[in-house]
Amino acid sequence: ADGGATVDGGGGEFLNATLSSFYKEHGIAASYTLPRSPEQNGIAEARNKIICTVARSLVLQAHAPHNLWGFAVMHASRLHNLFPHPLRRSVSPQELWTGKKPSIKRLHPWGCTAYVLSNKSARPSKVAPVTIPCAFLGFNDDSPGFLFFNPATSTLIRSQVVVVDVLRPHWLPDSLPLQQQ
């Protein structure tokens, strides 16, 4: 199947001229699963289940709106790649791929409150707050820094200049005490 052909399930999203020519150029023989048979792709399905379970937990622990689910999935995927693989106890998937041990120094709890430095020109006066309370959504893959959600404006903010409150989920009302475990 080639040239945008469609298939009933079975990885049809991978059937296109660009991918077919890539396969041919690199000597890759593509095979596809049968429709409605995820058991044929058990490893990928198991990883997807783990990542979705972690993402669900991130959204719930942060009391985040469900429409931010995709950002939680991206963060869960990053976490999955940073920590040691069950079969290779001392090596993470990222290290296997890059050959370098990953750093978790810049890792923050997903959905925690982060105070992002606001643009000087956007401040209404000299005595206005210099930071914007936002929710940490993860790493910005397009450039250095992080990705944040500003619920006051429903916008995404990319920034490196931030102070993170790792103990408070952003959507938890201030009137509710944090539960200590």
C-alpha atoms as a PDB file:
ATOM      1  CA  ALA A   1       0.000   0.000   0.000  1.00  0.00           C
ATOM      2  CA  ASP A   2       1.392   3.374  -0.971  1.00  0.00           C
ATOM      3  CA  GLY A   3       0.515   6.922  -1.969  1.00  0.00           C
ATOM      4  CA  GLY A   4      -1.975   7.720   0.776  1.00  0.00           C
ATOM      5  CA  ALA A   5      -3.860   4.427   0.640  1.00  0.00           C
ATOM      6  CA  THR A   6      -6.159   3.786   3.535  1.00  0.00           C
ATOM      7  CA  VAL A   7      -6.418   0.573   5.482  1.00  0.00           C
ATOM      8  CA  ASP A   8      -9.034  -0.552   7.986  1.00  0.00           C
ATOM      9  CA  GLY A   9      -6.971  -0.039  11.179  1.00  0.00           C
ATOM     10  CA  GLY A  10      -3.613  -1.789  11.370  1.00  0.00           C
ATOM     11  CA  GLY A  11      -1.375   1.272  11.396  1.00  0.00           C
ATOM     12  CA  GLY A  12      -2.959   2.955   8.369  1.00  0.00           C
ATOM     13  CA  GLU A  13      -1.561   6.275   9.565  1.00  0.00           C
ATOM     14  CA  PHE A  14       1.869   4.957   8.531  1.00  0.00           C
ATOM     15  CA  LEU A  15       0.856   4.205   4.949  1.00  0.00           C
ATOM     16  CA  ASN A  16       2.007   7.124   2.819  1.00  0.00           C
ATOM     17  CA  ALA A  17       4.441   7.861  -0.010  1.00  0.00           C
ATOM     18  CA  THR A  18       6.959   9.709   2.183  1.00  0.00           C
ATOM     19  CA  LEU A  19       7.313   6.897   4.683  1.00  0.00           C
ATOM     20  CA  SER A  20       7.313   4.240   1.961  1.00  0.00           C
ATOM     21  CA  SER A  21      10.202   5.943   0.157  1.00  0.00           C
ATOM     22  CA  PHE A  22      12.081   6.270   3.469  1.00  0.00           C
ATOM     23  CA  TYR A  23      11.619   2.546   4.086  1.00  0.00           C
ATOM     24  CA  LYS A  24      12.826   1.718   0.582  1.00  0.00           C
ATOM     25  CA  GLU A  25      15.853   4.024   0.842  1.00  0.00           C
ATOM     26  CA  HIS A  26      16.947   2.475   4.150  1.00  0.00           C
ATOM     27  CA  GLY A  27      16.101  -1.136   3.332  1.00  0.00           C
ATOM     28  CA  ILE A  28      13.301  -1.372   5.895  1.00  0.00           C
ATOM     29  CA  ALA A  29      10.600  -3.964   5.398  1.00  0.00           C
ATOM     30  CA  ALA A  30       7.417  -2.568   6.945  1.00  0.00           C
ATOM     31  CA  SER A  31       4.797  -4.836   8.456  1.00  0.00           C
ATOM     32  CA  TYR A  32       1.473  -3.785   9.900  1.00  0.00           C
ATOM     33  CA  THR A  33      -0.811  -5.243  12.524  1.00  0.00           C
ATOM     34  CA  LEU A  34      -4.276  -6.487  11.727  1.00  0.00           C
ATOM     35  CA  PRO A  35      -7.216  -4.183  12.511  1.00  0.00           C
ATOM     36  CA  ARG A  36      -8.425  -4.233  16.138  1.00  0.00           C
ATOM     37  CA  SER A  37      -5.571  -6.488  17.308  1.00  0.00           C
ATOM     38  CA  PRO A  38      -3.419  -4.475  19.731  1.00  0.00           C
ATOM     39  CA  GLU A  39      -2.011  -7.724  21.144  1.00  0.00           C
ATOM     40  CA  GLN A  40       0.111  -7.962  17.976  1.00  0.00           C
ATOM     41  CA  ASN A  41       1.978  -4.865  19.103  1.00  0.00           C
ATOM     42  CA  GLY A  42       2.288  -5.738  22.785  1.00  0.00           C
ATOM     43  CA  ILE A  43       5.429  -3.763  23.650  1.00  0.00           C
ATOM     44  CA  ALA A  44       4.114  -0.477  22.238  1.00  0.00           C
ATOM     45  CA  GLU A  45       0.683  -1.054  23.798  1.00  0.00           C
ATOM     46  CA  ALA A  46       2.278  -1.754  27.198  1.00  0.00           C
ATOM     47  CA  ARG A  47       4.320   1.477  26.980  1.00  0.00           C
ATOM     48  CA  ASN A  48       1.221   3.433  25.948  1.00  0.00           C
ATOM     49  CA  LYS A  49      -0.673   2.027  28.930  1.00  0.00           C
ATOM     50  CA  ILE A  50       2.114   3.060  31.316  1.00  0.00           C
ATOM     51  CA  ILE A  51       2.373   6.563  29.844  1.00  0.00           C
ATOM     52  CA  CYS A  52      -1.419   7.067  29.905  1.00  0.00           C
ATOM     53  CA  THR A  53      -1.613   5.837  33.517  1.00  0.00           C
ATOM     54  CA  VAL A  54       1.121   8.267  34.569  1.00  0.00           C
ATOM     55  CA  ALA A  55      -0.516  11.123  32.621  1.00  0.00           C
ATOM     56  CA  ARG A  56      -3.875  10.412  34.280  1.00  0.00           C
ATOM     57  CA  SER A  57      -2.157  10.487  37.682  1.00  0.00           C
ATOM     58  CA  LEU A  58      -0.444  13.792  36.861  1.00  0.00           C
ATOM     59  CA  VAL A  59      -3.729  15.439  35.871  1.00  0.00           C
ATOM     60  CA  LEU A  60      -5.518  14.116  38.961  1.00  0.00           C
ATOM     61  CA  GLN A  61      -2.792  14.992  41.478  1.00  0.00           C
ATOM     62  CA  ALA A  62      -2.553  18.519  40.062  1.00  0.00           C
ATOM     63  CA  HIS A  63      -6.346  18.994  39.999  1.00  0.00           C
ATOM     64  CA  ALA A  64      -5.768  20.177  36.418  1.00  0.00           C
ATOM     65  CA  PRO A  65      -8.401  20.743  33.748  1.00  0.00           C
ATOM     66  CA  HIS A  66      -8.759  17.667  31.544  1.00  0.00           C
ATOM     67  CA  ASN A  67      -8.105  19.667  28.367  1.00  0.00           C
ATOM     68  CA  LEU A  68      -4.409  19.764  29.386  1.00  0.00           C
ATOM     69  CA  TRP A  69      -4.244  15.963  29.111  1.00  0.00           C
ATOM     70  CA  GLY A  70      -1.926  16.119  26.075  1.00  0.00           C
ATOM     71  CA  PHE A  71       0.701  18.072  28.009  1.00  0.00           C
ATOM     72  CA  ALA A  72       0.523  15.495  30.800  1.00  0.00           C
ATOM     73  CA  VAL A  73       1.087  12.727  28.234  1.00  0.00           C
ATOM     74  CA  MET A  74       4.157  14.548  26.875  1.00  0.00           C
ATOM     75  CA  HIS A  75       5.526  14.978  30.412  1.00  0.00           C
ATOM     76  CA  ALA A  76       4.791  11.330  31.291  1.00  0.00           C
ATOM     77  CA  SER A  77       6.618  10.250  28.154  1.00  0.00           C
ATOM     78  CA  ARG A  78       9.626  12.367  29.123  1.00  0.00           C
ATOM     79  CA  LEU A  79       9.588  10.844  32.626  1.00  0.00           C
ATOM     80  CA  HIS A  80       9.396   7.362  31.126  1.00  0.00           C
ATOM     81  CA  ASN A  81      12.508   8.085  29.054  1.00  0.00           C
ATOM     82  CA  LEU A  82      14.478   9.637  31.940  1.00  0.00           C
ATOM     83  CA  PHE A  83      14.271   6.825  34.457  1.00  0.00           C
ATOM     84  CA  PRO A  84      15.956   3.416  34.288  1.00  0.00           C
ATOM     85  CA  HIS A  85      14.363   0.778  32.111  1.00  0.00           C
ATOM     86  CA  PRO A  86      13.081  -2.296  34.011  1.00  0.00           C
ATOM     87  CA  LEU A  87      15.274  -4.655  31.988  1.00  0.00           C
ATOM     88  CA  ARG A  88      18.352  -2.426  32.117  1.00  0.00           C
ATOM     89  CA  ARG A  89      18.259  -1.306  35.752  1.00  0.00           C
ATOM     90  CA  SER A  90      21.051   1.278  35.570  1.00  0.00           C
ATOM     91  CA  VAL A  91      20.323   2.745  32.120  1.00  0.00           C
ATOM     92  CA  SER A  92      17.435   4.933  30.993  1.00  0.00           C
ATOM     93  CA  PRO A  93      15.924   4.822  27.494  1.00  0.00           C
ATOM     94  CA  GLN A  94      17.279   8.342  26.893  1.00  0.00           C
ATOM     95  CA  GLU A  95      20.782   7.209  27.823  1.00  0.00           C
ATOM     96  CA  LEU A  96      20.484   4.187  25.532  1.00  0.00           C
ATOM     97  CA  TRP A  97      19.460   6.522  22.698  1.00  0.00           C
ATOM     98  CA  THR A  98      21.950   9.388  23.262  1.00  0.00           C
ATOM     99  CA  GLY A  99      24.813   7.665  25.070  1.00  0.00           C
ATOM    100  CA  LYS A 100      24.643  10.316  27.841  1.00  0.00           C
ATOM    101  CA  LYS A 101      23.201  10.017  31.361  1.00  0.00           C
ATOM    102  CA  PRO A 102      20.173  12.316  31.610  1.00  0.00           C
ATOM    103  CA  SER A 103      19.970  15.040  34.221  1.00  0.00           C
ATOM    104  CA  ILE A 104      16.844  15.543  36.305  1.00  0.00           C
ATOM    105  CA  LYS A 105      18.008  18.850  37.819  1.00  0.00           C
ATOM    106  CA  ARG A 106      15.426  20.843  35.860  1.00  0.00           C
ATOM    107  CA  LEU A 107      12.561  18.413  36.448  1.00  0.00           C
ATOM    108  CA  HIS A 108       9.541  19.853  38.296  1.00  0.00           C
ATOM    109  CA  PRO A 109       6.203  18.335  39.329  1.00  0.00           C
ATOM    110  CA  TRP A 110       3.722  18.602  36.482  1.00  0.00           C
ATOM    111  CA  GLY A 111       0.964  21.131  37.177  1.00  0.00           C
ATOM    112  CA  CYS A 112       2.727  22.795  40.115  1.00  0.00           C
ATOM    113  CA  THR A 113       2.532  26.558  40.546  1.00  0.00           C
ATOM    114  CA  ALA A 114       5.271  28.456  38.779  1.00  0.00           C
ATOM    115  CA  TYR A 115       5.862  32.190  38.910  1.00  0.00           C
ATOM    116  CA  VAL A 116       6.942  33.292  35.437  1.00  0.00           C
ATOM    117  CA  LEU A 117       8.666  36.640  34.907  1.00  0.00           C
ATOM    118  CA  SER A 118       6.265  38.893  33.013  1.00  0.00           C
ATOM    119  CA  ASN A 119       7.272  41.118  30.142  1.00  0.00           C
ATOM    120  CA  LYS A 120       8.028  44.664  31.370  1.00  0.00           C
ATOM    121  CA  SER A 121       5.928  46.207  28.604  1.00  0.00           C
ATOM    122  CA  ALA A 122       2.913  44.092  29.647  1.00  0.00           C
ATOM    123  CA  ARG A 123       2.892  45.381  33.230  1.00  0.00           C
ATOM    124  CA  PRO A 124       0.213  48.023  33.876  1.00  0.00           C
ATOM    125  CA  SER A 125       2.402  50.048  36.282  1.00  0.00           C
ATOM    126  CA  LYS A 126       5.772  50.114  38.020  1.00  0.00           C
ATOM    127  CA  VAL A 127       4.270  48.626  41.178  1.00  0.00           C
ATOM    128  CA  ALA A 128       2.464  45.777  39.392  1.00  0.00           C
ATOM    129  CA  PRO A 129       3.635  42.233  40.121  1.00  0.00           C
ATOM    130  CA  VAL A 130       6.640  41.175  38.058  1.00  0.00           C
ATOM    131  CA  THR A 131       5.596  37.528  37.914  1.00  0.00           C
ATOM    132  CA  ILE A 132       2.566  35.684  36.605  1.00  0.00           C
ATOM    133  CA  PRO A 133       1.261  32.639  38.509  1.00  0.00           C
ATOM    134  CA  CYS A 134       1.069  29.787  36.028  1.00  0.00           C
ATOM    135  CA  ALA A 135       1.029  26.004  35.943  1.00  0.00           C
ATOM    136  CA  PHE A 136       4.126  24.045  34.945  1.00  0.00           C
ATOM    137  CA  LEU A 137       3.357  21.875  31.894  1.00  0.00           C
ATOM    138  CA  GLY A 138       6.803  20.536  31.106  1.00  0.00           C
ATOM    139  CA  PHE A 139       9.759  21.202  28.899  1.00  0.00           C
ATOM    140  CA  ASN A 140       9.595  23.355  25.805  1.00  0.00           C
ATOM    141  CA  ASP A 141      10.867  21.110  23.018  1.00  0.00           C
ATOM    142  CA  ASP A 142      11.242  23.982  20.522  1.00  0.00           C
ATOM    143  CA  SER A 143      13.838  25.908  22.548  1.00  0.00           C
ATOM    144  CA  PRO A 144      15.492  25.935  25.978  1.00  0.00           C
ATOM    145  CA  GLY A 145      13.199  26.526  28.890  1.00  0.00           C
ATOM    146  CA  PHE A 146       9.828  25.370  30.060  1.00  0.00           C
ATOM    147  CA  LEU A 147       6.205  25.500  29.032  1.00  0.00           C
ATOM    148  CA  PHE A 148       3.570  27.041  31.314  1.00  0.00           C
ATOM    149  CA  PHE A 149      -0.182  27.592  31.211  1.00  0.00           C
ATOM    150  CA  ASN A 150      -1.595  30.927  32.313  1.00  0.00           C
ATOM    151  CA  PRO A 151      -5.190  30.166  33.350  1.00  0.00           C
ATOM    152  CA  ALA A 152      -6.053  33.875  33.635  1.00  0.00           C
ATOM    153  CA  THR A 153      -5.579  34.299  29.875  1.00  0.00           C
ATOM    154  CA  SER A 154      -5.803  30.630  28.770  1.00  0.00           C
ATOM    155  CA  THR A 155      -2.460  31.005  27.019  1.00  0.00           C
ATOM    156  CA  LEU A 156       0.768  29.060  26.901  1.00  0.00           C
ATOM    157  CA  ILE A 157       3.969  30.773  27.977  1.00  0.00           C
ATOM    158  CA  ARG A 158       7.491  29.649  27.153  1.00  0.00           C
ATOM    159  CA  SER A 159      10.116  30.862  29.606  1.00  0.00           C
ATOM    160  CA  GLN A 160      13.330  30.047  31.424  1.00  0.00           C
ATOM    161  CA  VAL A 161      12.959  32.706  34.119  1.00  0.00           C
ATOM    162  CA  VAL A 162      10.761  31.083  36.732  1.00  0.00           C
ATOM    163  CA  VAL A 163      10.386  30.276  40.418  1.00  0.00           C
ATOM    164  CA  VAL A 164       8.597  26.988  41.043  1.00  0.00           C
ATOM    165  CA  ASP A 165       6.488  26.092  44.092  1.00  0.00           C
ATOM    166  CA  VAL A 166       6.822  22.314  43.945  1.00  0.00           C
ATOM    167  CA  LEU A 167       4.470  21.741  46.886  1.00  0.00           C
ATOM    168  CA  ARG A 168       1.315  23.346  45.482  1.00  0.00           C
ATOM    169  CA  PRO A 169      -0.628  22.145  42.456  1.00  0.00           C
ATOM    170  CA  HIS A 170      -1.658  25.262  40.563  1.00  0.00           C
ATOM    171  CA  TRP A 171      -5.357  24.455  40.488  1.00  0.00           C
ATOM    172  CA  LEU A 172      -5.683  23.663  44.177  1.00  0.00           C
ATOM    173  CA  PRO A 173      -7.612  26.507  45.838  1.00  0.00           C
ATOM    174  CA  ASP A 174      -5.606  28.373  48.490  1.00  0.00           C
ATOM    175  CA  SER A 175      -8.368  27.723  51.011  1.00  0.00           C
ATOM    176  CA  LEU A 176      -7.770  23.970  50.877  1.00  0.00           C
ATOM    177  CA  PRO A 177      -4.818  22.724  52.908  1.00  0.00           C
ATOM    178  CA  LEU A 178      -2.314  20.444  51.227  1.00  0.00           C
ATOM    179  CA  GLN A 179      -2.470  16.907  52.490  1.00  0.00           C
ATOM    180  CA  GLN A 180       0.762  15.777  54.078  1.00  0.00           C
ATOM    181  CA  GLN A 181       1.731  12.172  53.492  1.00  0.00           C
END
